[in-house]
């Protein structure tokens, strides 16, 4: 008995490891396409539905997708309403795993598929070409997944060899609603324990195929798995802010609503699936595909019923989880370590953090201009606001750097590794620009506090100089996601040269004024510091564009 249990656990481990390898290889092969899907997330619930479905089909884990969605909500990259549409799509996307396992794992001789695939993958994973290497990892993961399934099927004894199991199960079948609720609870607990609906599904399919449970019982277990899989996102959201908790709760509420109608109409719904699917569900060769159809139709019908009520669902979870005071966490836990990693997708989130840093650089620069041109007003509160922006930039730089390093450790493609390396440099340069911007704010504040006067024409020159710097900032900010072309670098060099010439010209004029009138020396020194900081911003801006150019 102990040996059989350990063999089953080992088989499940192989299955889960194969799914992990296959998922991560798929992400490497389609990383840019995945990130493109994430960038197109809008308030359109149907777009979100398609995005959630597509991402989950590629990642092959609704748990990984929903944890990622919750983290996006936690970082304010998605609203709760937008997240609900994606979660619906993720629920439907995870049913593809059921179809793959049901069709290939039970309709064919797995040994004739798994080992040849591993053999085919072996030379590819040693290739120097990244695409071939990633393809080899995908095929290898696919082979290991089905190898684990083969061992699972062989290690679970047939019902004919274990008649005591049939006696035990019969005590819980054929009792109407009580039986449905029992197997629903079993499916929920099973999925919570293994923390993967795909693994729980493989167990359910195997048990049904081996005759341990009948078709209706397996359908009830699948309903439980749909609820159990929501626990991963809810665990991840525990460390997040209020909206992250709401998004995770929306996942649970959505599935619970589906389970309520499915249990209420359980007998009719299960018979309907049996009727539309070819073959008799009582035959073990047909039951895997019937269960896959049950899983897909349940989620599809649930989506059709609730897609029109996404705003109302959003308001419901807002009422269930009220706003709380205190500082929210900015990133959410990525969930259990054995889940397929989503480094390729997380890069899209990191890009948005970098965009936010680009906006902070501009906010600090415009804040300086505001202070400098309004020397007759007391803008102490505005200085405090700008100080908070500078502190936010330091925090965001630290967290984004840590986040990018985490992405790089998740087995991303060579192309994505170049992007991560470039973005690490961009983050460092943007942090330096924020520091320069805040130094300018402090210089403007000192000029006001010490009452250092500059000639009117000099003030206009500073304003003109600041406009050129802001133009450079807008230029690099617009290319953080879009990318940098060769002609963009020509424009960047022109802007940087213009800033250098402007600074040299204004500095010469300042030195001439100091030599002719000693009374303005202190004001002119502040002025020269301003010029130097604006030139530094120009240099860092050019470095940002050079890093973005190397990324592409």
Protein backbone atom coordinates (compact mmCIF):
# COMPACT_ATOMS: atom_id res chain seq x y z
CA UNK A 1 0.00 0.00 0.00
CA UNK A 2 2.82 2.43 0.92
CA UNK A 3 4.69 1.55 -2.26
CA UNK A 4 1.59 2.22 -4.38
CA UNK A 5 1.01 5.56 -2.67
CA UNK A 6 4.61 6.66 -3.23
CA UNK A 7 4.43 5.57 -6.87
CA UNK A 8 1.25 7.62 -7.37
CA UNK A 9 2.89 10.66 -5.74
CA UNK A 10 5.97 10.22 -7.92
CA UNK A 11 3.79 9.97 -11.01
CA UNK A 12 2.00 13.20 -10.04
CA UNK A 13 5.36 14.85 -9.48
CA UNK A 14 6.49 13.89 -12.98
CA UNK A 15 3.21 15.16 -14.43
CA UNK A 16 3.51 18.51 -12.64
CA UNK A 17 7.19 18.89 -13.49
CA UNK A 18 6.50 18.19 -17.15
CA UNK A 19 3.71 20.78 -17.15
CA UNK A 20 6.07 23.32 -15.56
CA UNK A 21 8.83 22.71 -18.11
CA UNK A 22 6.37 22.81 -21.02
CA UNK A 23 4.75 26.02 -19.74
CA UNK A 24 8.03 27.88 -19.26
CA UNK A 25 9.30 26.78 -22.69
CA UNK A 26 6.06 27.97 -24.29
CA UNK A 27 6.50 31.36 -22.64
CA UNK A 28 10.03 31.66 -24.03
CA UNK A 29 8.83 30.77 -27.52
CA UNK A 30 5.95 33.25 -27.44
CA UNK A 31 7.20 35.82 -24.93
CA UNK A 32 6.72 38.93 -27.05
CA UNK A 33 3.31 37.75 -28.21
CA UNK A 34 2.31 37.16 -24.58
CA UNK A 35 3.48 40.62 -23.55
CA UNK A 36 1.61 42.10 -26.50
CA UNK A 37 -1.56 40.43 -25.21
CA UNK A 38 -1.00 41.90 -21.76
CA UNK A 39 -0.50 45.41 -23.18
CA UNK A 40 -3.87 45.22 -24.94
CA UNK A 41 -5.78 44.74 -21.70
CA UNK A 42 -8.57 47.30 -21.68
CA UNK A 43 -11.82 47.92 -19.87
CA UNK A 44 -13.53 45.95 -22.64
CA UNK A 45 -14.60 42.77 -20.84
CA UNK A 46 -14.55 40.74 -24.07
CA UNK A 47 -10.96 41.80 -24.79
CA UNK A 48 -10.07 40.79 -21.24
CA UNK A 49 -11.87 37.47 -21.71
CA UNK A 50 -9.84 36.73 -24.84
CA UNK A 51 -6.60 37.79 -23.16
CA UNK A 52 -7.22 35.57 -20.12
CA UNK A 53 -8.10 32.63 -22.35
CA UNK A 54 -5.07 33.08 -24.62
CA UNK A 55 -2.57 33.54 -21.81
CA UNK A 56 -3.85 30.50 -19.91
CA UNK A 57 -3.69 28.34 -23.05
CA UNK A 58 -0.01 29.26 -23.37
CA UNK A 59 0.86 29.11 -19.68
CA UNK A 60 -1.27 25.97 -19.16
CA UNK A 61 -2.15 26.99 -15.62
CA UNK A 62 -5.15 29.03 -14.58
CA UNK A 63 -3.62 29.33 -11.10
CA UNK A 64 -0.50 31.00 -12.51
CA UNK A 65 -2.63 33.30 -14.69
CA UNK A 66 -4.97 34.36 -11.88
CA UNK A 67 -2.06 34.98 -9.49
CA UNK A 68 -0.53 37.20 -12.18
CA UNK A 69 -3.86 39.02 -12.68
CA UNK A 70 -4.14 39.62 -8.93
CA UNK A 71 -0.59 41.02 -8.89
CA UNK A 72 -1.50 43.38 -11.75
CA UNK A 73 -4.53 44.60 -9.80
CA UNK A 74 -2.33 44.98 -6.72
CA UNK A 75 0.06 47.20 -8.70
CA UNK A 76 -2.89 49.26 -10.06
CA UNK A 77 -2.21 48.10 -13.62
CA UNK A 78 -5.70 46.60 -13.82
CA UNK A 79 -8.98 47.55 -12.22
CA UNK A 80 -11.09 44.91 -10.48
CA UNK A 81 -13.65 45.06 -13.30
CA UNK A 82 -10.97 44.52 -15.96
CA UNK A 83 -9.53 41.63 -13.96
CA UNK A 84 -12.90 39.83 -13.76
CA UNK A 85 -13.09 39.53 -17.55
CA UNK A 86 -9.58 38.08 -17.65
CA UNK A 87 -10.35 35.64 -14.84
CA UNK A 88 -13.36 34.37 -16.82
CA UNK A 89 -11.07 33.77 -19.79
CA UNK A 90 -8.53 31.99 -17.58
CA UNK A 91 -11.25 29.62 -16.34
CA UNK A 92 -12.10 28.67 -19.91
CA UNK A 93 -8.43 28.49 -20.95
CA UNK A 94 -7.56 25.91 -18.30
CA UNK A 95 -10.02 23.45 -19.86
CA UNK A 96 -7.60 23.02 -22.78
CA UNK A 97 -5.36 20.98 -20.46
CA UNK A 98 -8.29 18.63 -19.85
CA UNK A 99 -8.77 18.16 -23.58
CA UNK A 100 -5.06 17.53 -24.24
CA UNK A 101 -4.77 15.00 -21.43
CA UNK A 102 -8.10 13.34 -22.28
CA UNK A 103 -7.39 13.04 -25.99
CA UNK A 104 -3.69 12.12 -26.01
CA UNK A 105 -3.40 10.54 -22.57
CA UNK A 106 -6.29 8.10 -22.79
CA UNK A 107 -6.98 7.63 -26.49
CA UNK A 108 -3.44 6.64 -27.48
CA UNK A 109 -0.68 4.45 -26.13
CA UNK A 110 1.18 7.01 -24.02
CA UNK A 111 4.43 5.04 -24.02
CA UNK A 112 4.48 5.31 -27.80
CA UNK A 113 4.22 9.12 -27.47
CA UNK A 114 6.16 10.10 -24.36
CA UNK A 115 9.53 8.41 -24.76
CA UNK A 116 9.95 9.23 -28.50
CA UNK A 117 9.15 12.88 -27.71
CA UNK A 118 11.83 12.96 -25.00
CA UNK A 119 14.24 11.34 -27.44
CA UNK A 120 13.39 13.95 -30.10
CA UNK A 121 13.88 16.77 -27.60
CA UNK A 122 17.25 15.60 -26.31
CA UNK A 123 19.48 16.90 -29.16
CA UNK A 124 17.44 20.12 -29.44
CA UNK A 125 18.01 21.23 -25.84
CA UNK A 126 21.78 21.23 -26.47
CA UNK A 127 21.43 23.46 -29.54
CA UNK A 128 23.17 26.86 -29.58
CA UNK A 129 20.12 28.44 -31.20
CA UNK A 130 17.72 29.76 -28.58
CA UNK A 131 14.59 28.88 -30.59
CA UNK A 132 15.65 25.27 -31.09
CA UNK A 133 16.65 24.99 -27.44
CA UNK A 134 13.29 26.36 -26.26
CA UNK A 135 11.46 24.06 -28.69
CA UNK A 136 13.39 21.13 -27.28
CA UNK A 137 12.41 22.10 -23.73
CA UNK A 138 8.76 22.32 -24.78
CA UNK A 139 8.82 18.85 -26.38
CA UNK A 140 10.72 17.48 -23.39
CA UNK A 141 8.14 18.91 -20.97
CA UNK A 142 5.33 17.50 -23.08
CA UNK A 143 6.95 14.07 -23.03
CA UNK A 144 7.59 14.14 -19.26
CA UNK A 145 4.00 15.23 -18.65
CA UNK A 146 2.62 12.21 -20.49
CA UNK A 147 5.25 9.94 -18.99
CA UNK A 148 3.94 10.97 -15.56
CA UNK A 149 0.39 10.31 -16.74
CA UNK A 150 1.39 6.88 -18.00
CA UNK A 151 2.92 5.99 -14.62
CA UNK A 152 -0.17 7.36 -12.89
CA UNK A 153 -2.47 5.16 -14.96
CA UNK A 154 -0.29 2.12 -14.30
CA UNK A 155 0.10 2.76 -10.56
CA UNK A 156 -3.62 3.23 -9.87
CA UNK A 157 -4.99 -0.31 -9.60
CA UNK A 158 -7.94 -1.30 -11.73
CA UNK A 159 -11.27 -1.56 -9.93
CA UNK A 160 -11.42 -5.28 -10.73
CA UNK A 161 -8.27 -5.82 -8.69
CA UNK A 162 -9.55 -3.67 -5.81
CA UNK A 163 -13.23 -4.59 -5.24
CA UNK A 164 -13.10 -3.05 -1.75
CA UNK A 165 -12.80 0.39 -3.38
CA UNK A 166 -16.01 -0.20 -5.31
CA UNK A 167 -17.78 -1.13 -2.09
CA UNK A 168 -16.49 2.05 -0.44
CA UNK A 169 -17.44 4.35 -3.33
CA UNK A 170 -20.87 2.80 -3.72
CA UNK A 171 -21.64 4.03 -0.23
CA UNK A 172 -21.42 7.61 -1.54
CA UNK A 173 -22.98 7.24 -5.01
CA UNK A 174 -26.59 7.10 -6.06
CA UNK A 175 -27.79 9.25 -3.18
CA UNK A 176 -28.86 12.26 -5.22
CA UNK A 177 -27.83 15.68 -3.98
CA UNK A 178 -25.89 14.23 -1.05
CA UNK A 179 -23.63 12.32 -3.45
CA UNK A 180 -23.09 15.39 -5.61
CA UNK A 181 -22.17 17.52 -2.59
CA UNK A 182 -19.83 14.83 -1.22
CA UNK A 183 -17.84 14.53 -4.46
CA UNK A 184 -17.93 18.30 -4.94
CA UNK A 185 -16.31 18.69 -1.51
CA UNK A 186 -13.80 15.95 -2.39
CA UNK A 187 -12.82 17.81 -5.60
CA UNK A 188 -12.44 21.11 -3.73
CA UNK A 189 -10.24 19.60 -1.01
CA UNK A 190 -8.17 17.65 -3.56
CA UNK A 191 -7.40 20.81 -5.55
CA UNK A 192 -6.58 22.81 -2.41
CA UNK A 193 -4.11 20.08 -1.38
CA UNK A 194 -2.32 19.72 -4.73
CA UNK A 195 -2.67 23.47 -5.55
CA UNK A 196 -3.20 22.71 -9.24
CA UNK A 197 -6.46 22.06 -11.07
CA UNK A 198 -4.49 20.32 -13.84
CA UNK A 199 -3.05 17.76 -11.42
CA UNK A 200 -6.41 17.33 -9.71
CA UNK A 201 -7.98 16.88 -13.14
CA UNK A 202 -5.45 14.21 -14.09
CA UNK A 203 -6.25 12.35 -10.87
CA UNK A 204 -9.99 12.60 -11.55
CA UNK A 205 -9.63 11.39 -15.13
CA UNK A 206 -7.50 8.46 -14.02
CA UNK A 207 -9.90 7.46 -11.24
CA UNK A 208 -12.84 7.58 -13.65
CA UNK A 209 -10.91 5.70 -16.34
CA UNK A 210 -9.97 2.98 -13.86
CA UNK A 211 -13.58 2.64 -12.71
CA UNK A 212 -13.08 3.97 -9.18
CA UNK A 213 -15.79 6.60 -9.71
CA UNK A 214 -18.62 6.84 -12.20
CA UNK A 215 -19.32 9.66 -14.67
CA UNK A 216 -21.68 11.73 -12.43
CA UNK A 217 -19.29 11.52 -9.48
CA UNK A 218 -16.38 12.65 -11.65
CA UNK A 219 -18.48 15.60 -12.90
CA UNK A 220 -19.18 16.64 -9.31
CA UNK A 221 -15.46 16.43 -8.51
CA UNK A 222 -14.73 18.71 -11.48
CA UNK A 223 -17.14 21.29 -10.07
CA UNK A 224 -15.22 21.12 -6.80
CA UNK A 225 -11.92 21.58 -8.63
CA UNK A 226 -13.23 24.82 -10.17
CA UNK A 227 -13.76 26.18 -6.65
CA UNK A 228 -10.57 24.70 -5.19
CA UNK A 229 -8.36 26.30 -7.82
CA UNK A 230 -9.39 29.78 -6.61
CA UNK A 231 -7.55 29.24 -3.32
CA UNK A 232 -4.15 29.94 -4.94
CA UNK A 233 -5.08 33.48 -5.99
CA UNK A 234 -6.71 34.15 -2.62
CA UNK A 235 -3.55 33.03 -0.80
CA UNK A 236 -1.47 35.28 -3.06
CA UNK A 237 -3.82 38.23 -2.46
CA UNK A 238 -3.42 37.97 1.31
CA UNK A 239 -0.25 40.06 1.05
CA UNK A 240 -1.79 42.56 -1.36
CA UNK A 241 -4.00 45.61 -1.17
CA UNK A 242 -7.79 45.82 -1.04
CA UNK A 243 -8.28 45.63 -4.81
CA UNK A 244 -6.05 42.54 -5.04
CA UNK A 245 -8.24 40.83 -2.44
CA UNK A 246 -11.35 41.89 -4.38
CA UNK A 247 -10.01 40.43 -7.63
CA UNK A 248 -9.22 37.11 -5.93
CA UNK A 249 -12.64 37.09 -4.27
CA UNK A 250 -14.30 37.80 -7.64
CA UNK A 251 -12.68 34.61 -8.94
CA UNK A 252 -14.19 32.65 -6.07
CA UNK A 253 -17.63 34.29 -6.40
CA UNK A 254 -17.72 33.70 -10.16
CA UNK A 255 -17.02 30.00 -9.73
CA UNK A 256 -19.41 29.64 -6.79
CA UNK A 257 -22.26 31.15 -8.81
CA UNK A 258 -21.51 28.64 -11.56
CA UNK A 259 -21.42 25.75 -9.11
CA UNK A 260 -24.81 26.77 -7.64
CA UNK A 261 -26.64 26.54 -10.95
CA UNK A 262 -24.66 23.46 -12.03
CA UNK A 263 -25.55 21.56 -8.85
CA UNK A 264 -29.19 22.70 -9.06
CA UNK A 265 -29.38 21.31 -12.62
CA UNK A 266 -26.72 18.66 -12.13
CA UNK A 267 -28.59 15.61 -13.45
CA UNK A 268 -29.89 17.43 -16.54
CA UNK A 269 -26.58 19.14 -17.27
CA UNK A 270 -24.54 15.93 -16.97
CA UNK A 271 -27.04 14.10 -19.21
CA UNK A 272 -26.92 16.96 -21.72
CA UNK A 273 -23.12 16.66 -21.99
CA UNK A 274 -23.42 12.89 -22.38
CA UNK A 275 -25.98 13.44 -25.12
CA UNK A 276 -23.94 15.94 -27.18
CA UNK A 277 -20.67 13.98 -26.88
CA UNK A 278 -20.27 10.89 -29.10
CA UNK A 279 -20.20 7.56 -27.28
CA UNK A 280 -21.59 6.39 -23.95
CA UNK A 281 -20.07 7.89 -20.80
CA UNK A 282 -20.51 4.52 -19.05
CA UNK A 283 -17.69 3.10 -21.20
CA UNK A 284 -14.29 3.87 -19.73
CA UNK A 285 -12.76 4.72 -23.12
CA UNK A 286 -15.27 7.57 -23.56
CA UNK A 287 -15.35 9.03 -20.06
CA UNK A 288 -12.19 11.25 -20.29
CA UNK A 289 -13.51 13.20 -23.29
CA UNK A 290 -16.97 13.44 -21.72
CA UNK A 291 -15.42 14.95 -18.59
CA UNK A 292 -13.39 17.40 -20.69
CA UNK A 293 -16.61 18.46 -22.43
CA UNK A 294 -18.37 18.83 -19.07
CA UNK A 295 -15.53 21.05 -17.79
CA UNK A 296 -15.53 23.26 -20.90
CA UNK A 297 -19.30 23.60 -21.19
CA UNK A 298 -19.63 24.44 -17.50
CA UNK A 299 -17.17 27.32 -17.81
CA UNK A 300 -18.50 28.45 -21.18
CA UNK A 301 -22.11 28.58 -19.98
CA UNK A 302 -21.06 30.30 -16.76
CA UNK A 303 -19.23 32.96 -18.78
CA UNK A 304 -22.24 33.50 -21.05
CA UNK A 305 -24.49 33.90 -18.02
CA UNK A 306 -22.25 36.34 -16.14
CA UNK A 307 -20.31 38.29 -18.80
CA UNK A 308 -23.10 40.86 -18.90
CA UNK A 309 -22.92 41.34 -15.13
CA UNK A 310 -19.21 42.09 -14.73
CA UNK A 311 -19.78 45.63 -13.33
CA UNK A 312 -22.32 44.28 -10.85
CA UNK A 313 -19.91 41.52 -9.83
CA UNK A 314 -17.25 44.18 -9.30
CA UNK A 315 -19.57 46.22 -7.08
CA UNK A 316 -20.48 43.07 -5.12
CA UNK A 317 -16.87 42.30 -4.18
CA UNK A 318 -16.34 45.98 -3.34
CA UNK A 319 -19.18 45.74 -0.83
CA UNK A 320 -17.89 42.43 0.55
CA UNK A 321 -14.37 43.85 1.03
CA UNK A 322 -14.47 47.48 2.08
CA UNK A 323 -11.55 49.90 1.73
CA UNK A 324 -9.03 49.69 4.51
CA UNK A 325 -6.65 52.28 5.80
CA UNK A 326 -2.93 51.91 5.68
CA UNK A 327 -0.34 51.56 3.01
CA UNK A 328 -0.95 48.78 0.54
CA UNK A 329 1.69 46.45 -0.67
CA UNK A 330 2.84 47.16 -4.18
CA UNK A 331 3.58 43.64 -5.29
CA UNK A 332 1.81 40.45 -4.45
CA UNK A 333 3.29 37.08 -3.70
CA UNK A 334 3.66 34.94 -6.79
CA UNK A 335 2.07 31.97 -5.11
CA UNK A 336 3.44 28.52 -4.62
CA UNK A 337 6.92 27.86 -5.95
CA UNK A 338 5.86 24.77 -7.89
CA UNK A 339 3.49 26.74 -10.11
CA UNK A 340 4.74 27.42 -13.65
CA UNK A 341 6.70 30.66 -13.47
CA UNK A 342 5.50 33.60 -15.56
CA UNK A 343 8.70 35.61 -16.00
CA UNK A 344 7.89 36.37 -19.63
CA UNK A 345 4.55 37.88 -18.58
CA UNK A 346 6.00 39.70 -15.59
CA UNK A 347 8.28 41.65 -17.92
CA UNK A 348 5.14 43.41 -19.20
CA UNK A 349 4.38 44.50 -15.66
CA UNK A 350 7.98 45.67 -15.20
CA UNK A 351 7.69 47.75 -18.39
CA UNK A 352 4.73 49.58 -16.86
CA UNK A 353 6.74 50.27 -13.72
CA UNK A 354 9.49 51.74 -15.91
CA UNK A 355 6.87 53.87 -17.67
CA UNK A 356 5.75 55.14 -14.28
CA UNK A 357 9.34 56.10 -13.47
CA UNK A 358 9.54 57.97 -16.77
CA UNK A 359 6.44 59.94 -15.77
CA UNK A 360 7.97 60.74 -12.37
CA UNK A 361 11.02 62.29 -14.04
CA UNK A 362 8.75 64.63 -15.99
CA UNK A 363 6.63 65.47 -12.93
CA UNK A 364 9.72 66.52 -10.98
CA UNK A 365 11.01 68.63 -13.87
CA UNK A 366 7.68 70.43 -14.35
CA UNK A 367 7.55 70.94 -10.59
CA UNK A 368 10.93 72.69 -10.74
CA UNK A 369 9.74 74.97 -13.55
CA UNK A 370 6.63 75.83 -11.56
CA UNK A 371 8.68 76.78 -8.50
CA UNK A 372 11.28 78.70 -10.48
CA UNK A 373 8.78 80.83 -12.40
CA UNK A 374 6.61 81.62 -9.37
CA UNK A 375 9.24 83.09 -7.06
CA UNK A 376 6.70 85.53 -5.65
CA UNK A 377 4.50 82.74 -4.23
CA UNK A 378 4.96 80.53 -1.18
CA UNK A 379 4.96 77.00 -2.65
CA UNK A 380 6.10 75.11 0.45
CA UNK A 381 3.32 72.52 0.12
CA UNK A 382 4.28 71.95 -3.50
CA UNK A 383 7.88 71.26 -2.43
CA UNK A 384 6.60 68.63 0.01
CA UNK A 385 4.60 66.98 -2.81
CA UNK A 386 7.69 66.87 -5.02
CA UNK A 387 9.71 65.37 -2.17
CA UNK A 388 7.15 62.54 -1.99
CA UNK A 389 7.54 61.99 -5.74
CA UNK A 390 11.30 61.69 -5.31
CA UNK A 391 10.81 59.18 -2.50
CA UNK A 392 8.38 57.24 -4.70
CA UNK A 393 10.98 57.13 -7.47
CA UNK A 394 13.57 55.65 -5.07
CA UNK A 395 11.08 53.04 -3.87
CA UNK A 396 9.91 52.20 -7.37
CA UNK A 397 13.51 51.91 -8.63
CA UNK A 398 14.38 49.46 -5.86
CA UNK A 399 11.25 47.36 -6.33
CA UNK A 400 11.45 47.33 -10.13
CA UNK A 401 15.11 46.31 -10.01
CA UNK A 402 14.28 43.46 -7.61
CA UNK A 403 11.32 42.50 -9.79
CA UNK A 404 13.42 42.39 -12.96
CA UNK A 405 16.05 40.27 -11.23
CA UNK A 406 13.28 37.91 -10.15
CA UNK A 407 12.06 37.72 -13.77
CA UNK A 408 15.58 36.92 -15.00
CA UNK A 409 15.78 34.02 -12.54
CA UNK A 410 12.63 32.39 -13.95
CA UNK A 411 14.11 30.84 -17.06
CA UNK A 412 13.21 33.47 -19.65
CA UNK A 413 14.35 33.47 -23.28
CA UNK A 414 17.64 35.02 -24.44
CA UNK A 415 15.74 37.86 -26.12
CA UNK A 416 13.83 38.60 -22.94
CA UNK A 417 17.07 38.47 -20.93
CA UNK A 418 18.42 41.26 -23.13
CA UNK A 419 15.27 43.26 -22.42
CA UNK A 420 15.66 42.73 -18.68
CA UNK A 421 19.33 43.77 -18.76
CA UNK A 422 18.45 46.91 -20.74
CA UNK A 423 15.57 47.79 -18.42
CA UNK A 424 17.82 47.44 -15.37
CA UNK A 425 20.06 50.09 -16.87
CA UNK A 426 17.06 52.25 -17.82
CA UNK A 427 15.74 52.10 -14.25
CA UNK A 428 19.13 53.20 -12.89
CA UNK A 429 19.29 56.13 -15.35
CA UNK A 430 15.72 57.20 -14.60
CA UNK A 431 16.45 57.16 -10.88
CA UNK A 432 19.44 59.45 -11.53
CA UNK A 433 17.20 61.77 -13.56
CA UNK A 434 14.72 61.90 -10.66
CA UNK A 435 17.58 62.79 -8.32
CA UNK A 436 18.63 65.60 -10.68
CA UNK A 437 15.02 66.80 -10.88
CA UNK A 438 14.72 66.92 -7.10
CA UNK A 439 18.04 68.78 -6.80
CA UNK A 440 16.61 71.36 -9.20
CA UNK A 441 13.55 71.65 -6.96
CA UNK A 442 15.78 72.25 -3.93
CA UNK A 443 17.79 74.88 -5.84
CA UNK A 444 14.58 76.69 -6.81
CA UNK A 445 13.42 76.51 -3.19
CA UNK A 446 16.77 77.89 -1.96
CA UNK A 447 16.62 80.71 -4.49
CA UNK A 448 13.17 81.64 -3.12
CA UNK A 449 14.20 81.26 0.54
CA UNK A 450 17.46 83.24 0.16
CA UNK A 451 15.82 85.79 -2.15
CA UNK A 452 18.46 85.40 -4.86
CA UNK A 453 17.42 87.55 -7.85
CA UNK A 454 18.31 86.83 -11.49
CA UNK A 455 17.86 89.10 -14.52
CA UNK A 456 14.48 88.71 -16.32
CA UNK A 457 16.20 87.56 -19.53
CA UNK A 458 18.04 84.85 -17.56
CA UNK A 459 14.75 83.56 -16.13
CA UNK A 460 13.38 83.29 -19.68
CA UNK A 461 16.52 81.39 -20.73
CA UNK A 462 16.02 78.89 -17.91
CA UNK A 463 12.42 78.43 -18.98
CA UNK A 464 13.54 77.84 -22.57
CA UNK A 465 16.25 75.43 -21.42
CA UNK A 466 13.71 73.50 -19.33
CA UNK A 467 11.42 73.14 -22.36
CA UNK A 468 14.23 71.42 -24.30
CA UNK A 469 14.87 69.07 -21.36
CA UNK A 470 11.15 68.26 -21.09
CA UNK A 471 11.08 67.57 -24.84
CA UNK A 472 13.89 65.04 -24.34
CA UNK A 473 11.96 63.45 -21.45
CA UNK A 474 8.80 63.11 -23.54
CA UNK A 475 10.94 61.59 -26.29
CA UNK A 476 12.38 58.75 -24.19
CA UNK A 477 9.13 58.16 -22.28
CA UNK A 478 7.24 57.50 -25.50
CA UNK A 479 9.80 54.86 -26.50
CA UNK A 480 10.04 52.80 -23.32
CA UNK A 481 7.48 50.30 -24.67
CA UNK A 482 7.42 51.22 -28.36
CA UNK A 483 11.16 50.72 -28.82
CA UNK A 484 13.92 52.82 -30.39
CA UNK A 485 14.69 52.97 -34.12
CA UNK A 486 17.93 54.15 -35.72
CA UNK A 487 16.42 57.52 -36.68
CA UNK A 488 15.33 57.98 -33.07
CA UNK A 489 18.97 57.88 -31.97
CA UNK A 490 19.82 60.64 -34.43
CA UNK A 491 17.13 62.81 -32.83
CA UNK A 492 18.44 61.88 -29.37
CA UNK A 493 22.00 62.93 -30.22
CA UNK A 494 20.71 66.23 -31.61
CA UNK A 495 18.74 66.94 -28.44
CA UNK A 496 21.69 66.07 -26.21
CA UNK A 497 24.04 68.28 -28.25
CA UNK A 498 21.52 71.12 -28.09
CA UNK A 499 21.39 70.81 -24.30
CA UNK A 500 25.22 70.81 -24.07
CA UNK A 501 25.55 73.90 -26.26
CA UNK A 502 22.79 75.68 -24.36
CA UNK A 503 24.44 74.98 -21.02
CA UNK A 504 27.87 76.17 -22.20
CA UNK A 505 26.43 79.36 -23.68
CA UNK A 506 24.41 80.21 -20.56
CA UNK A 507 27.32 79.38 -18.28
CA UNK A 508 29.62 81.78 -20.17
CA UNK A 509 27.02 84.53 -19.82
CA UNK A 510 26.71 83.80 -16.10
CA UNK A 511 30.48 84.00 -15.57
CA UNK A 512 30.55 87.30 -17.41
CA UNK A 513 27.84 88.70 -15.13
CA UNK A 514 29.71 87.54 -12.03
CA UNK A 515 32.94 89.19 -13.17
CA UNK A 516 31.17 92.50 -13.81
CA UNK A 517 29.08 92.54 -10.62
CA UNK A 518 30.16 90.77 -7.44
CA UNK A 519 26.77 91.30 -5.83
CA UNK A 520 25.09 88.56 -7.91
CA UNK A 521 27.65 85.81 -7.26
CA UNK A 522 25.47 83.77 -4.87
CA UNK A 523 22.48 83.92 -7.20
CA UNK A 524 24.64 83.01 -10.20
CA UNK A 525 26.12 80.00 -8.38
CA UNK A 526 22.62 78.65 -7.81
CA UNK A 527 21.91 79.34 -11.47
CA UNK A 528 25.03 77.45 -12.63
CA UNK A 529 24.06 74.48 -10.44
CA UNK A 530 20.70 74.46 -12.19
CA UNK A 531 22.38 74.45 -15.59
CA UNK A 532 24.67 71.57 -14.59
CA UNK A 533 21.76 69.47 -13.33
CA UNK A 534 19.77 70.05 -16.52
CA UNK A 535 22.80 69.02 -18.57
CA UNK A 536 23.10 65.86 -16.43
CA UNK A 537 19.47 65.08 -17.20
CA UNK A 538 20.32 65.36 -20.91
CA UNK A 539 23.21 62.90 -20.51
CA UNK A 540 21.09 60.41 -18.58
CA UNK A 541 18.28 60.76 -21.14
CA UNK A 542 20.66 59.80 -23.92
CA UNK A 543 21.79 56.80 -21.87
CA UNK A 544 18.15 55.72 -21.49
CA UNK A 545 17.63 55.72 -25.25
CA UNK A 546 20.92 53.89 -25.87
CA UNK A 547 19.84 51.16 -23.42
CA UNK A 548 16.43 50.90 -25.08
CA UNK A 549 18.12 50.66 -28.48
CA UNK A 550 20.29 47.73 -27.33
CA UNK A 551 17.18 46.06 -25.89
CA UNK A 552 15.57 45.92 -29.34
